[in-house]
N, C-alpha and C. Protein backbone atom coordinates (compact mmCIF):
# COMPACT_ATOMS: atom_id res chain seq x y z
N UNK A 1 163.55 66.99 105.78
CA UNK A 1 163.38 65.72 107.00
C UNK A 1 164.63 65.04 106.95
N UNK A 2 165.32 64.38 105.96
CA UNK A 2 166.59 64.11 105.99
C UNK A 2 167.18 64.08 106.57
N UNK A 3 167.91 65.53 107.30
CA UNK A 3 168.64 66.11 107.68
C UNK A 3 168.73 66.32 109.12
N UNK A 4 166.88 65.91 109.46
CA UNK A 4 166.47 65.96 110.95
C UNK A 4 166.82 64.60 111.26
N UNK A 5 166.58 63.27 110.58
CA UNK A 5 167.05 62.01 110.45
C UNK A 5 168.31 61.37 111.08
N UNK A 6 169.52 62.26 110.03
CA UNK A 6 170.40 62.43 109.45
C UNK A 6 171.17 62.94 111.27
N UNK A 7 170.60 63.92 112.10
CA UNK A 7 170.97 64.78 112.98
C UNK A 7 170.66 63.97 114.04
N UNK A 8 169.74 62.98 113.90
CA UNK A 8 169.13 62.41 115.21
C UNK A 8 169.87 60.78 115.36
N UNK A 9 170.48 60.39 114.35
CA UNK A 9 171.50 59.56 114.20
C UNK A 9 172.52 59.97 114.96
N UNK A 10 172.94 61.05 114.43
CA UNK A 10 174.41 62.03 114.36
C UNK A 10 174.60 61.96 116.61
N UNK A 11 173.35 62.55 116.62
CA UNK A 11 173.37 62.75 118.36
C UNK A 11 173.30 61.44 118.89
N UNK A 12 173.09 60.10 118.20
CA UNK A 12 172.58 59.03 119.19
C UNK A 12 174.42 58.67 118.68
N UNK A 13 174.81 58.76 118.15
CA UNK A 13 176.45 58.63 117.70
C UNK A 13 177.17 59.03 119.17
N UNK A 14 176.80 60.51 118.79
CA UNK A 14 177.89 61.16 119.83
C UNK A 14 177.57 60.67 121.78
N UNK A 15 176.39 60.60 121.46
CA UNK A 15 176.28 60.05 123.13
C UNK A 15 176.81 58.55 123.74
N UNK A 16 177.09 57.79 122.65
CA UNK A 16 176.92 56.19 122.87
C UNK A 16 178.74 56.23 122.77
N UNK A 17 179.43 57.25 121.91
CA UNK A 17 181.05 57.30 121.93
C UNK A 17 181.58 57.83 123.12
N UNK A 18 180.54 58.70 123.76
CA UNK A 18 181.15 59.34 124.88
C UNK A 18 182.47 60.26 124.04
N UNK A 19 181.66 61.10 122.71
CA UNK A 19 182.65 62.40 122.36
C UNK A 19 183.31 62.92 123.71
N UNK A 20 184.45 63.03 123.47
CA UNK A 20 184.89 64.41 124.47
C UNK A 20 184.66 65.50 124.53
N UNK A 21 184.54 66.19 123.48
CA UNK A 21 184.47 67.51 123.45
C UNK A 21 182.89 68.26 123.55
N UNK A 22 182.11 67.07 123.16
CA UNK A 22 180.68 67.11 123.64
C UNK A 22 180.21 66.79 124.75
N UNK A 23 180.83 65.80 125.61
CA UNK A 23 180.83 65.85 127.45
C UNK A 23 181.21 67.05 127.55
N UNK A 24 182.42 67.68 127.55
CA UNK A 24 183.45 68.94 128.22
C UNK A 24 182.30 70.16 127.65
N UNK A 25 181.71 69.73 126.85
CA UNK A 25 180.65 71.41 126.50
C UNK A 25 179.45 71.10 126.98
N UNK A 26 178.81 69.71 127.33
CA UNK A 26 177.75 69.59 128.28
C UNK A 26 177.99 69.89 129.38
N UNK A 27 179.03 69.65 129.89
CA UNK A 27 179.47 69.77 131.60
C UNK A 27 179.48 71.28 131.92
N UNK A 28 180.13 71.74 130.59
CA UNK A 28 180.81 73.28 130.80
C UNK A 28 179.07 74.03 130.76
N UNK A 29 178.32 73.62 130.30
CA UNK A 29 177.01 73.86 129.98
C UNK A 29 176.17 73.78 131.05
N UNK A 30 176.36 72.81 131.88
CA UNK A 30 175.36 72.37 132.93
C UNK A 30 176.04 73.57 134.21
N UNK A 31 177.63 73.30 134.28
CA UNK A 31 177.83 73.96 135.44
C UNK A 31 177.25 75.65 135.29
N UNK A 32 177.51 76.18 134.36
CA UNK A 32 177.50 77.49 134.24
C UNK A 32 176.10 77.93 134.31
N UNK A 33 175.02 77.09 133.90
CA UNK A 33 173.59 77.28 134.06
C UNK A 33 172.73 77.03 135.18
N UNK A 34 173.90 75.74 135.76
CA UNK A 34 173.03 75.72 137.51
C UNK A 34 173.41 76.54 138.54
N UNK A 35 174.80 77.05 137.81
CA UNK A 35 175.31 77.88 138.77
C UNK A 35 174.60 79.55 138.97
N UNK A 36 174.47 79.43 138.01
CA UNK A 36 173.67 80.75 137.98
C UNK A 36 172.09 81.34 138.16
N UNK A 37 171.90 80.26 138.26
CA UNK A 37 170.27 79.45 138.60
C UNK A 37 169.87 79.45 139.88
N UNK A 38 171.33 78.54 140.63
CA UNK A 38 171.37 78.89 142.25
C UNK A 38 171.43 79.79 142.75
N UNK A 39 172.25 80.71 142.03
CA UNK A 39 173.20 82.09 142.82
C UNK A 39 171.46 82.77 143.06
N UNK A 40 170.73 83.16 141.18
CA UNK A 40 170.19 83.93 141.87
C UNK A 40 168.53 83.62 141.82
N UNK A 41 168.71 82.00 142.44
CA UNK A 41 167.16 82.08 143.75
C UNK A 41 168.09 82.67 144.73
N UNK A 42 168.64 82.37 145.65
CA UNK A 42 169.33 82.73 146.55
C UNK A 42 169.26 84.23 146.76
N UNK A 43 169.66 84.32 146.13
CA UNK A 43 169.07 86.38 145.53
C UNK A 43 167.86 86.71 145.52
N UNK A 44 167.01 85.71 144.98
CA UNK A 44 165.65 86.57 144.43
C UNK A 44 164.77 86.16 145.76
N UNK A 45 165.22 85.07 146.39
CA UNK A 45 163.78 84.37 146.98
C UNK A 45 163.62 85.38 148.51
N UNK A 46 165.05 85.83 149.11
CA UNK A 46 164.78 86.78 150.31
C UNK A 46 164.26 88.32 149.87
N UNK A 47 164.73 88.44 148.35
CA UNK A 47 164.39 90.30 148.28
C UNK A 47 162.72 90.24 147.89
N UNK A 48 162.52 88.54 147.30
CA UNK A 48 161.24 88.72 146.46
C UNK A 48 160.44 88.85 147.72
N UNK A 49 160.66 88.05 149.23
CA UNK A 49 159.79 87.82 150.19
C UNK A 49 159.94 89.29 151.14
N UNK A 50 161.27 89.97 150.93
CA UNK A 50 161.21 91.68 151.70
C UNK A 50 160.16 92.28 150.65
N UNK A 51 159.73 92.02 149.02
CA UNK A 51 158.91 93.29 148.54
C UNK A 51 157.65 93.12 148.95
N UNK A 52 157.49 91.45 148.58
CA UNK A 52 155.74 91.37 149.15
C UNK A 52 155.24 91.40 150.21
N UNK A 53 156.09 91.27 151.72
CA UNK A 53 155.58 91.51 153.07
C UNK A 53 155.74 92.59 153.35
N UNK A 54 156.44 93.80 152.56
CA UNK A 54 156.30 95.16 153.11
C UNK A 54 155.55 96.12 151.99
N UNK A 55 154.85 96.94 152.47
CA UNK A 55 153.95 97.92 151.64
C UNK A 55 155.10 99.34 151.75
N UNK A 56 155.68 99.65 150.39
CA UNK A 56 155.86 101.34 150.37
C UNK A 56 155.44 101.74 149.11
N UNK A 57 156.04 102.97 149.04
CA UNK A 57 155.53 104.16 148.25
C UNK A 57 156.32 103.53 146.25
N UNK A 58 155.68 103.06 145.32
CA UNK A 58 156.26 102.89 144.31
C UNK A 58 156.20 101.25 144.20
N UNK A 59 156.03 99.98 145.40
CA UNK A 59 155.87 99.12 144.86
C UNK A 59 155.30 98.31 144.21
N UNK A 60 153.84 98.70 143.21
CA UNK A 60 153.46 98.33 142.08
C UNK A 60 154.18 98.38 140.67
N UNK A 61 154.92 99.39 140.80
CA UNK A 61 155.49 100.20 140.15
C UNK A 61 156.74 99.23 139.73
N UNK A 62 157.41 98.96 141.19
CA UNK A 62 158.78 98.20 140.83
C UNK A 62 158.67 96.76 140.36
N UNK A 63 157.17 96.16 140.95
CA UNK A 63 156.78 94.97 140.23
C UNK A 63 156.91 95.17 139.05
N UNK A 64 156.02 95.92 138.82
CA UNK A 64 155.56 96.10 136.84
C UNK A 64 157.13 96.26 135.95
N UNK A 65 158.33 96.95 136.98
CA UNK A 65 159.38 96.99 136.25
C UNK A 65 160.21 95.82 136.03
N UNK A 66 159.89 95.06 137.34
CA UNK A 66 160.58 93.76 137.04
C UNK A 66 160.09 93.02 136.13
N UNK A 67 158.80 92.50 136.02
CA UNK A 67 158.02 92.47 134.74
C UNK A 67 158.02 92.63 133.66
N UNK A 68 158.65 93.83 133.52
CA UNK A 68 158.74 93.89 132.27
C UNK A 68 160.04 93.50 131.48
N UNK A 69 161.30 93.18 132.64
CA UNK A 69 162.42 92.37 132.10
C UNK A 69 162.47 91.07 131.94
N UNK A 70 161.04 90.39 131.67
CA UNK A 70 160.77 89.30 131.44
C UNK A 70 161.76 88.85 130.19
N UNK A 71 161.35 89.41 129.17
CA UNK A 71 161.59 89.16 127.71
C UNK A 71 163.00 90.35 127.50
N UNK A 72 163.89 90.79 128.21
CA UNK A 72 164.76 91.32 127.83
C UNK A 72 166.29 90.71 127.03
N UNK A 73 166.34 91.08 125.89
CA UNK A 73 166.73 90.46 124.90
C UNK A 73 168.21 90.03 125.80
N UNK A 74 168.65 88.79 125.25
CA UNK A 74 169.83 88.10 125.59
C UNK A 74 171.19 88.74 125.25
N UNK A 75 170.75 89.44 124.13
CA UNK A 75 172.10 90.53 123.28
C UNK A 75 172.27 91.99 124.28
N UNK A 76 170.93 92.24 124.83
CA UNK A 76 171.23 93.87 125.92
C UNK A 76 171.81 93.67 126.95
N UNK A 77 171.31 92.19 127.18
CA UNK A 77 172.25 91.84 128.69
C UNK A 77 173.64 91.91 128.82
N UNK A 78 174.25 91.24 126.91
CA UNK A 78 175.47 91.61 127.01
C UNK A 78 176.55 92.21 127.05
N UNK A 79 175.60 92.81 126.24
CA UNK A 79 176.22 94.38 125.61
C UNK A 79 176.72 94.95 127.10
N UNK A 80 175.75 94.70 128.22
CA UNK A 80 175.76 95.84 129.16
C UNK A 80 177.07 95.06 130.48
N UNK A 81 176.91 93.28 130.43
CA UNK A 81 178.13 92.69 130.54
C UNK A 81 179.31 93.18 130.37
N UNK A 82 179.16 93.05 129.06
CA UNK A 82 180.67 93.49 127.99
C UNK A 82 180.93 94.54 128.18
N UNK A 83 180.24 95.97 128.45
CA UNK A 83 180.95 96.95 128.94
C UNK A 83 181.29 97.15 130.13
N UNK A 84 180.46 96.58 130.79
CA UNK A 84 181.08 96.69 132.57
C UNK A 84 182.73 96.09 132.63
N UNK A 85 182.39 94.62 132.44
CA UNK A 85 183.71 93.93 132.12
C UNK A 85 185.07 94.12 131.18
N UNK A 86 184.27 95.05 129.96
CA UNK A 86 185.87 95.58 128.92
C UNK A 86 186.98 96.17 129.82
N UNK A 87 187.71 95.92 129.32
CA UNK A 87 189.30 96.91 129.55
C UNK A 87 188.86 98.15 130.20
N UNK A 88 188.16 98.79 129.55
CA UNK A 88 187.85 100.22 129.74
C UNK A 88 186.61 100.78 130.55
N UNK A 89 186.19 99.23 131.24
CA UNK A 89 184.57 99.17 131.71
C UNK A 89 185.27 99.63 133.19
N UNK A 90 184.03 99.51 133.96
CA UNK A 90 184.25 100.17 135.42
C UNK A 90 185.22 99.11 136.07
N UNK A 91 184.78 97.62 135.29
CA UNK A 91 185.39 96.37 136.64
C UNK A 91 186.15 95.58 135.22
N UNK A 92 186.61 96.38 134.82
CA UNK A 92 187.29 95.80 133.41
C UNK A 92 189.15 95.00 134.29
N UNK A 93 189.43 95.64 135.41
CA UNK A 93 190.27 95.57 136.25
C UNK A 93 190.30 94.11 136.43
N UNK A 94 189.53 93.34 136.84
CA UNK A 94 188.72 92.15 137.61
C UNK A 94 189.59 91.22 136.24
N UNK A 95 189.48 91.56 134.91
CA UNK A 95 189.97 90.44 133.48
C UNK A 95 188.78 89.11 133.68
N UNK A 96 187.95 89.74 133.91
CA UNK A 96 186.73 88.20 133.55
C UNK A 96 186.46 88.39 132.28
N UNK A 97 186.43 89.25 131.79
CA UNK A 97 185.33 89.12 130.09
C UNK A 97 186.21 87.42 129.48
N UNK A 98 185.21 87.55 129.24
CA UNK A 98 185.84 85.99 127.94
C UNK A 98 185.81 84.45 129.20
N UNK A 99 185.91 84.85 130.08
CA UNK A 99 185.48 83.67 130.97
C UNK A 99 184.14 83.15 131.71
N UNK A 100 184.40 81.70 131.73
CA UNK A 100 183.43 81.12 132.56
C UNK A 100 182.42 81.94 133.32
N UNK A 101 183.45 82.55 134.47
CA UNK A 101 182.86 83.30 135.59
C UNK A 101 181.58 84.57 134.70
N UNK A 102 181.72 85.14 134.06
CA UNK A 102 181.63 86.47 133.74
C UNK A 102 180.10 85.93 132.96
N UNK A 103 180.08 84.79 132.45
CA UNK A 103 179.03 84.03 131.42
C UNK A 103 178.05 83.72 132.51
N UNK A 104 178.42 83.34 133.83
CA UNK A 104 178.24 83.16 135.27
C UNK A 104 176.97 84.43 135.73
N UNK A 105 177.60 85.12 135.81
CA UNK A 105 177.22 86.82 135.84
C UNK A 105 176.23 87.38 135.19
N UNK A 106 176.43 87.09 133.78
CA UNK A 106 175.22 87.45 132.83
C UNK A 106 174.44 86.90 132.87
N UNK A 107 174.22 85.43 133.14
CA UNK A 107 173.05 84.73 133.10
C UNK A 107 172.35 84.77 134.67
N UNK A 108 172.77 85.38 135.25
CA UNK A 108 172.33 85.88 136.79
C UNK A 108 171.37 86.58 136.25
N UNK A 109 172.36 87.73 135.84
CA UNK A 109 171.20 89.07 135.44
C UNK A 109 169.96 89.06 134.56
N UNK A 110 170.23 88.32 133.37
CA UNK A 110 169.31 87.23 132.26
C UNK A 110 168.04 87.15 133.59
N UNK A 111 168.28 86.03 134.05
CA UNK A 111 167.19 85.34 135.21
C UNK A 111 166.80 86.47 136.22
N UNK A 112 167.33 87.12 136.81
CA UNK A 112 167.09 87.56 138.12
C UNK A 112 165.59 88.61 138.21
N UNK A 113 165.57 89.04 137.27
CA UNK A 113 163.96 89.60 136.94
C UNK A 113 163.11 88.20 136.53
N UNK A 114 163.00 87.49 135.78
CA UNK A 114 161.83 85.95 135.63
C UNK A 114 162.26 85.71 137.02
N UNK A 115 162.94 85.30 137.66
CA UNK A 115 163.07 84.68 139.33
C UNK A 115 162.47 84.98 140.27
N UNK A 116 162.48 86.36 140.24
CA UNK A 116 162.00 87.68 141.39
C UNK A 116 160.31 87.76 141.06
N UNK A 117 160.36 88.15 139.91
CA UNK A 117 158.91 88.57 139.61
C UNK A 117 158.36 87.14 139.89
N UNK A 118 158.19 86.20 139.36
CA UNK A 118 157.66 85.24 139.44
C UNK A 118 158.16 84.37 141.15
N UNK A 119 158.63 84.34 142.25
CA UNK A 119 159.03 84.29 143.40
C UNK A 119 157.66 85.20 143.80
N UNK A 120 157.81 86.43 143.70
CA UNK A 120 157.12 87.64 144.06
C UNK A 120 155.32 87.12 143.76
N UNK A 121 154.87 86.35 142.70
CA UNK A 121 153.60 85.75 142.25
C UNK A 121 153.56 85.20 143.02
N UNK A 122 154.22 84.19 142.97
CA UNK A 122 153.97 82.68 144.25
C UNK A 122 153.47 83.38 145.38
N UNK A 123 154.32 84.05 146.18
CA UNK A 123 154.11 84.42 147.52
C UNK A 123 152.64 85.09 147.43
N UNK A 124 151.92 86.30 146.64
CA UNK A 124 151.30 86.61 146.18
C UNK A 124 149.84 85.92 146.10
N UNK A 125 149.94 84.58 145.79
CA UNK A 125 148.88 83.45 145.90
C UNK A 125 149.01 82.76 146.56
N UNK A 126 149.56 82.96 148.01
CA UNK A 126 149.12 82.19 149.01
C UNK A 126 148.16 82.96 149.51
N UNK A 127 147.60 82.37 150.82
CA UNK A 127 145.97 83.36 151.52
C UNK A 127 146.86 84.24 152.31
N UNK A 128 146.23 85.53 152.52
CA UNK A 128 147.27 86.15 153.53
C UNK A 128 147.29 85.69 154.52
N UNK A 129 145.70 85.28 155.27
CA UNK A 129 145.41 84.62 156.56
C UNK A 129 146.31 83.69 157.01
N UNK A 130 147.16 82.85 155.92
CA UNK A 130 148.55 82.14 156.29
C UNK A 130 149.44 82.78 157.44
N UNK A 131 149.99 83.83 156.98
CA UNK A 131 150.70 85.00 157.56
C UNK A 131 150.18 85.26 158.55
N UNK A 132 148.92 85.73 158.64
CA UNK A 132 148.37 86.69 159.77
C UNK A 132 148.05 85.21 160.83
N UNK A 133 147.32 84.27 160.83
CA UNK A 133 147.37 82.99 161.83
C UNK A 133 149.11 83.13 162.29
N UNK A 134 149.90 83.15 161.28
CA UNK A 134 151.13 82.51 161.69
C UNK A 134 151.66 83.60 163.32
N UNK A 135 151.37 85.04 162.27
CA UNK A 135 151.56 85.98 163.41
C UNK A 135 150.61 86.10 164.92
N UNK A 136 149.54 85.54 164.49
CA UNK A 136 148.20 86.21 165.85
C UNK A 136 148.83 84.76 167.08
N UNK A 137 149.73 83.63 166.04
CA UNK A 137 149.98 82.39 167.03
C UNK A 137 151.17 82.55 167.69
N UNK A 138 151.70 83.59 167.72
CA UNK A 138 152.94 84.51 168.05
C UNK A 138 154.44 84.26 167.70
N UNK A 139 154.49 83.60 166.26
CA UNK A 139 154.96 83.73 165.21
C UNK A 139 155.93 85.04 164.88
N UNK A 140 157.48 84.78 165.01
CA UNK A 140 158.06 86.35 164.13
C UNK A 140 157.95 86.06 162.65
N UNK A 141 158.25 87.24 162.62
CA UNK A 141 158.04 87.65 161.42
C UNK A 141 158.59 86.77 160.09
N UNK A 142 159.79 86.48 160.46
CA UNK A 142 160.67 85.12 159.66
C UNK A 142 159.90 84.21 159.94
N UNK A 143 159.61 83.56 160.79
CA UNK A 143 158.77 82.31 160.92
C UNK A 143 157.45 82.24 160.29
N UNK A 144 156.64 83.61 160.19
CA UNK A 144 155.57 83.80 159.10
C UNK A 144 155.78 83.50 157.91
N UNK A 145 157.04 84.25 157.76
CA UNK A 145 157.37 84.67 156.08
C UNK A 145 157.51 83.04 155.51
N UNK A 146 158.29 82.43 156.63
CA UNK A 146 158.84 80.88 155.81
C UNK A 146 157.69 80.10 155.82
N UNK A 147 156.68 80.17 156.83
CA UNK A 147 155.43 79.17 156.69
C UNK A 147 154.92 79.72 155.02
N UNK A 148 154.60 80.54 154.50
CA UNK A 148 154.07 81.31 153.44
C UNK A 148 155.01 81.06 152.40
N UNK A 149 156.68 81.08 152.34
CA UNK A 149 157.13 80.42 151.13
C UNK A 149 156.88 79.04 151.20
N UNK A 150 156.63 78.22 152.66
CA UNK A 150 156.80 76.88 151.93
C UNK A 150 155.58 76.57 151.45
N UNK A 151 154.28 77.26 151.84
CA UNK A 151 153.17 76.77 151.20
C UNK A 151 153.21 77.40 149.37
N UNK A 152 153.97 78.60 149.85
CA UNK A 152 154.53 78.26 147.89
C UNK A 152 155.35 77.99 147.16
N UNK A 153 156.05 76.74 147.83
CA UNK A 153 157.39 75.81 147.38
C UNK A 153 156.90 75.67 145.81
N UNK A 154 155.73 74.97 145.38
CA UNK A 154 155.78 74.56 144.04
C UNK A 154 155.81 75.85 142.86
N UNK A 155 155.13 76.62 143.42
CA UNK A 155 155.27 77.84 142.42
C UNK A 155 156.54 78.67 142.29
N UNK A 156 157.12 78.62 143.76
CA UNK A 156 158.39 78.82 143.71
C UNK A 156 159.51 78.08 143.04
N UNK A 157 159.55 76.50 142.84
CA UNK A 157 159.74 75.73 142.43
C UNK A 157 159.73 75.48 140.58
N UNK A 158 158.19 76.45 140.58
CA UNK A 158 158.25 76.60 138.95
C UNK A 158 159.15 77.32 138.58
N UNK A 159 159.39 79.11 139.43
CA UNK A 159 159.90 79.59 138.62
C UNK A 159 161.45 79.56 138.48
N UNK A 160 162.12 78.38 139.61
CA UNK A 160 163.48 78.60 139.35
C UNK A 160 163.45 77.48 138.30
N UNK A 161 162.52 76.65 137.72
CA UNK A 161 162.30 75.92 136.20
C UNK A 161 162.53 76.65 134.89
N UNK A 162 162.03 77.82 135.30
CA UNK A 162 161.88 78.67 133.66
C UNK A 162 162.87 79.67 134.16
N UNK A 163 163.67 79.71 135.31
CA UNK A 163 164.66 81.08 134.97
C UNK A 163 165.72 79.59 134.58
N UNK A 164 166.13 77.66 134.77
CA UNK A 164 167.47 77.14 134.34
C UNK A 164 167.02 77.54 132.97
N UNK A 165 165.33 77.02 132.13
CA UNK A 165 165.34 76.65 131.08
C UNK A 165 166.08 78.07 130.14
N UNK A 166 165.67 79.35 130.99
CA UNK A 166 166.04 80.32 130.27
C UNK A 166 167.75 81.35 130.04
N UNK A 167 168.33 80.29 130.80
CA UNK A 167 169.90 80.34 130.98
C UNK A 167 170.53 79.31 130.42
N UNK A 168 169.91 78.19 130.27
CA UNK A 168 170.36 77.14 129.75
C UNK A 168 170.23 77.08 128.04
N UNK A 169 169.46 78.16 127.49
CA UNK A 169 168.60 78.00 125.91
C UNK A 169 169.11 79.45 125.34
N UNK A 170 169.92 80.10 126.51
CA UNK A 170 170.44 81.47 125.63
C UNK A 170 171.74 81.30 124.95
N UNK A 171 171.62 82.32 124.06
CA UNK A 171 172.78 82.38 123.40
C UNK A 171 173.41 83.65 123.04
N UNK A 172 173.05 84.60 122.70
CA UNK A 172 173.98 86.05 122.33
C UNK A 172 174.55 86.42 123.77
N UNK A 173 174.16 85.74 124.56
CA UNK A 173 175.10 86.73 126.03
C UNK A 173 176.35 85.77 125.87
N UNK A 174 176.57 84.77 125.98
CA UNK A 174 177.30 83.84 126.05
C UNK A 174 178.20 84.26 124.59
N UNK A 175 178.03 84.43 123.43
CA UNK A 175 178.62 84.93 122.25
C UNK A 175 179.31 86.29 122.83
N UNK A 176 178.79 86.97 123.62
CA UNK A 176 179.38 88.38 123.36
C UNK A 176 180.02 88.34 124.63
N UNK A 177 180.23 87.69 125.86
CA UNK A 177 181.31 88.11 127.12
C UNK A 177 182.10 86.19 127.29
N UNK A 178 181.22 85.48 126.41
CA UNK A 178 182.11 84.41 126.33
C UNK A 178 183.18 84.09 125.43
N UNK A 179 182.56 84.45 124.19
CA UNK A 179 183.64 84.34 123.04
C UNK A 179 183.58 83.20 122.42
N UNK A 180 182.88 82.10 123.14
CA UNK A 180 183.28 80.75 122.22
C UNK A 180 184.30 80.16 121.96
N UNK A 181 184.86 80.24 123.54
CA UNK A 181 186.75 79.81 122.86
C UNK A 181 186.69 78.13 123.67
N UNK A 182 186.69 77.53 122.26
CA UNK A 182 186.68 76.08 122.44
C UNK A 182 188.02 75.56 123.49
N UNK A 183 187.16 74.80 124.30
CA UNK A 183 187.75 74.07 125.52
C UNK A 183 187.68 74.81 126.91
N UNK A 184 187.27 76.63 126.65
CA UNK A 184 186.86 76.78 127.91
C UNK A 184 185.73 77.68 127.92
N UNK A 185 184.94 78.16 126.92
CA UNK A 185 183.72 78.77 127.50
C UNK A 185 182.69 78.48 126.20
N UNK A 186 182.95 77.68 125.39
CA UNK A 186 182.36 77.08 124.21
C UNK A 186 181.09 76.69 125.14
N UNK A 187 179.72 76.92 125.17
CA UNK A 187 178.51 76.03 125.47
C UNK A 187 177.52 75.06 124.80
N UNK A 188 176.83 75.02 124.61
CA UNK A 188 176.05 74.01 124.25
C UNK A 188 175.66 74.83 122.52
N UNK A 189 174.55 76.26 123.19
CA UNK A 189 174.00 76.84 122.50
C UNK A 189 175.28 77.63 121.25
N UNK A 190 176.49 77.89 122.23
CA UNK A 190 177.20 78.76 121.11
C UNK A 190 177.95 77.64 120.06
N UNK A 191 178.15 76.39 120.51
CA UNK A 191 178.60 75.45 119.55
C UNK A 191 177.46 75.01 118.55
N UNK A 192 176.40 75.34 118.65
CA UNK A 192 175.18 75.17 118.05
C UNK A 192 175.29 75.96 116.68
N UNK A 193 175.52 77.51 117.38
CA UNK A 193 175.92 78.43 116.53
C UNK A 193 176.23 78.62 115.34
N UNK A 194 178.16 77.70 116.11
CA UNK A 194 178.96 77.87 115.23
C UNK A 194 179.03 76.37 114.27
N UNK A 195 178.32 76.10 114.75
CA UNK A 195 178.28 74.79 113.57
C UNK A 195 177.30 74.98 112.62
N UNK A 196 176.52 75.67 112.86
CA UNK A 196 175.22 76.27 111.50
C UNK A 196 175.87 77.17 110.84
N UNK A 197 177.02 78.49 111.25
CA UNK A 197 177.18 78.71 110.63
C UNK A 197 178.01 78.69 109.77
N UNK A 198 179.07 77.82 109.89
CA UNK A 198 179.79 76.69 109.21
C UNK A 198 179.23 76.00 107.84
N UNK A 199 177.98 75.50 108.06
CA UNK A 199 177.46 74.31 107.25
C UNK A 199 177.04 73.28 108.29
N UNK A 200 177.56 72.90 108.90
CA UNK A 200 177.34 71.57 109.34
C UNK A 200 175.64 71.30 109.95
N UNK A 201 175.26 71.69 109.67
CA UNK A 201 173.60 71.55 109.41
C UNK A 201 173.08 70.05 110.27
N UNK A 202 174.12 69.06 109.78
CA UNK A 202 173.73 67.93 110.37
C UNK A 202 174.10 67.75 111.83
N UNK A 203 175.26 68.33 112.15
CA UNK A 203 175.89 67.94 113.46
C UNK A 203 174.86 69.40 114.50
N UNK A 204 174.39 70.10 113.82
CA UNK A 204 173.72 71.55 114.39
C UNK A 204 172.71 70.69 115.36
N UNK A 205 172.29 69.86 114.35
CA UNK A 205 170.73 69.20 114.87
C UNK A 205 171.12 68.41 116.28
N UNK A 206 171.94 67.31 115.63
CA UNK A 206 172.32 66.62 116.58
C UNK A 206 172.69 67.59 118.02
N UNK A 207 173.39 68.21 118.37
CA UNK A 207 173.80 69.14 119.59
C UNK A 207 172.39 69.68 120.14
N UNK A 208 171.93 70.08 118.68
CA UNK A 208 169.79 70.31 119.37
C UNK A 208 169.49 69.37 120.02
N UNK A 209 169.14 68.09 119.73
CA UNK A 209 168.40 67.41 119.85
C UNK A 209 169.65 66.98 121.49
N UNK A 210 170.85 67.03 121.84
CA UNK A 210 171.50 66.81 122.74
C UNK A 210 171.01 67.99 123.68
N UNK A 211 171.05 68.70 123.58
CA UNK A 211 170.59 70.36 124.24
C UNK A 211 169.38 69.46 124.81
N UNK A 212 168.21 69.73 124.32
CA UNK A 212 166.56 69.44 124.32
C UNK A 212 166.91 67.74 125.54
N UNK A 213 167.39 67.36 125.09
CA UNK A 213 167.25 66.06 125.91
C UNK A 213 167.72 66.55 127.53
N UNK A 214 169.01 67.08 126.97
CA UNK A 214 169.63 67.51 128.42
C UNK A 214 167.99 68.00 129.41
N UNK A 215 167.92 69.23 129.25
CA UNK A 215 167.05 69.74 129.21
C UNK A 215 165.79 68.99 130.20
N UNK A 216 165.27 67.94 129.18
CA UNK A 216 164.38 67.36 129.53
C UNK A 216 164.23 66.15 130.68
N UNK A 217 165.95 65.96 130.80
CA UNK A 217 166.03 65.19 131.53
C UNK A 217 166.14 65.60 133.21
N UNK A 218 166.90 66.86 132.78
CA UNK A 218 167.26 67.55 134.39
C UNK A 218 165.44 68.43 134.86
N UNK A 219 164.35 68.38 133.81
CA UNK A 219 163.57 68.91 134.49
C UNK A 219 162.48 67.79 134.91
N UNK A 220 162.83 66.53 134.64
CA UNK A 220 161.72 65.37 134.57
C UNK A 220 162.46 64.87 136.22
N UNK A 221 163.82 65.15 135.86
CA UNK A 221 164.54 64.63 137.61
C UNK A 221 164.08 65.48 138.52
N UNK A 222 163.27 66.91 138.25
CA UNK A 222 163.55 67.43 139.30
C UNK A 222 162.15 67.47 139.50
N UNK A 223 160.84 67.27 139.03
CA UNK A 223 160.18 66.57 139.11
C UNK A 223 159.64 65.98 140.20
N UNK A 224 160.40 64.85 139.40
CA UNK A 224 160.17 63.16 140.59
C UNK A 224 161.04 63.62 141.80
N UNK A 225 161.50 65.01 142.01
CA UNK A 225 162.22 65.25 143.60
C UNK A 225 160.93 65.82 143.98
N UNK A 226 160.46 67.01 143.59
CA UNK A 226 159.37 67.86 143.83
C UNK A 226 158.28 66.24 144.49
N UNK A 227 157.98 65.57 143.41
CA UNK A 227 156.66 64.59 143.66
C UNK A 227 156.74 64.03 145.38
N UNK A 228 157.82 63.79 145.24
CA UNK A 228 158.55 63.16 146.80
C UNK A 228 158.58 63.93 148.05
N UNK A 229 158.95 65.17 147.24
CA UNK A 229 159.19 66.05 148.73
C UNK A 229 157.28 66.35 149.02
N UNK A 230 156.27 66.09 148.89
CA UNK A 230 155.10 66.71 148.90
C UNK A 230 154.17 65.13 150.08
């Protein structure tokens, strides 16, 4: 209990003093997690719509497969990305291993099934009559799809938040493909892992509290924006 309290005080100290290293790690964490979430969302929204609004053989199997990957271990994704971008891998010539860019790619792969599956679920939750009515009134397929997406926007928003939460909290992938390089690829989760392995529990708790507070502030801010959009 004493360690938790000391960690809390340490977190306040790091924030008040604007510790340069903590600010740098925090900024990098946000840039990587937000970038991967935005890119994954831009990919999943049209793909999820395409899957939902079209009937084809194996559709149910495909959706089940996507949902299966909800809980894929981060280290498994990290291993795949590592093998692809290592020097002997098919994309090794790009020399992206141990860079922030490959961390973004890895996080996109990690959260892609989560956002895609929940986008499909959100569209499925909309009354089919909304799409059919729009088509009957002369709307194009694209316009009708846009109407359904608008109706499901709050559920889609939740999918994006869940994807962001998975991205900002993962550690295995960041360690494997980022390397936890100080001043370059170190993020909050890998910094916590490092300080814990070094035995600096108080600093680890402080960084953990900062990470939780950061996620809380972002989610609260997005919730406020959502309420204004209603």
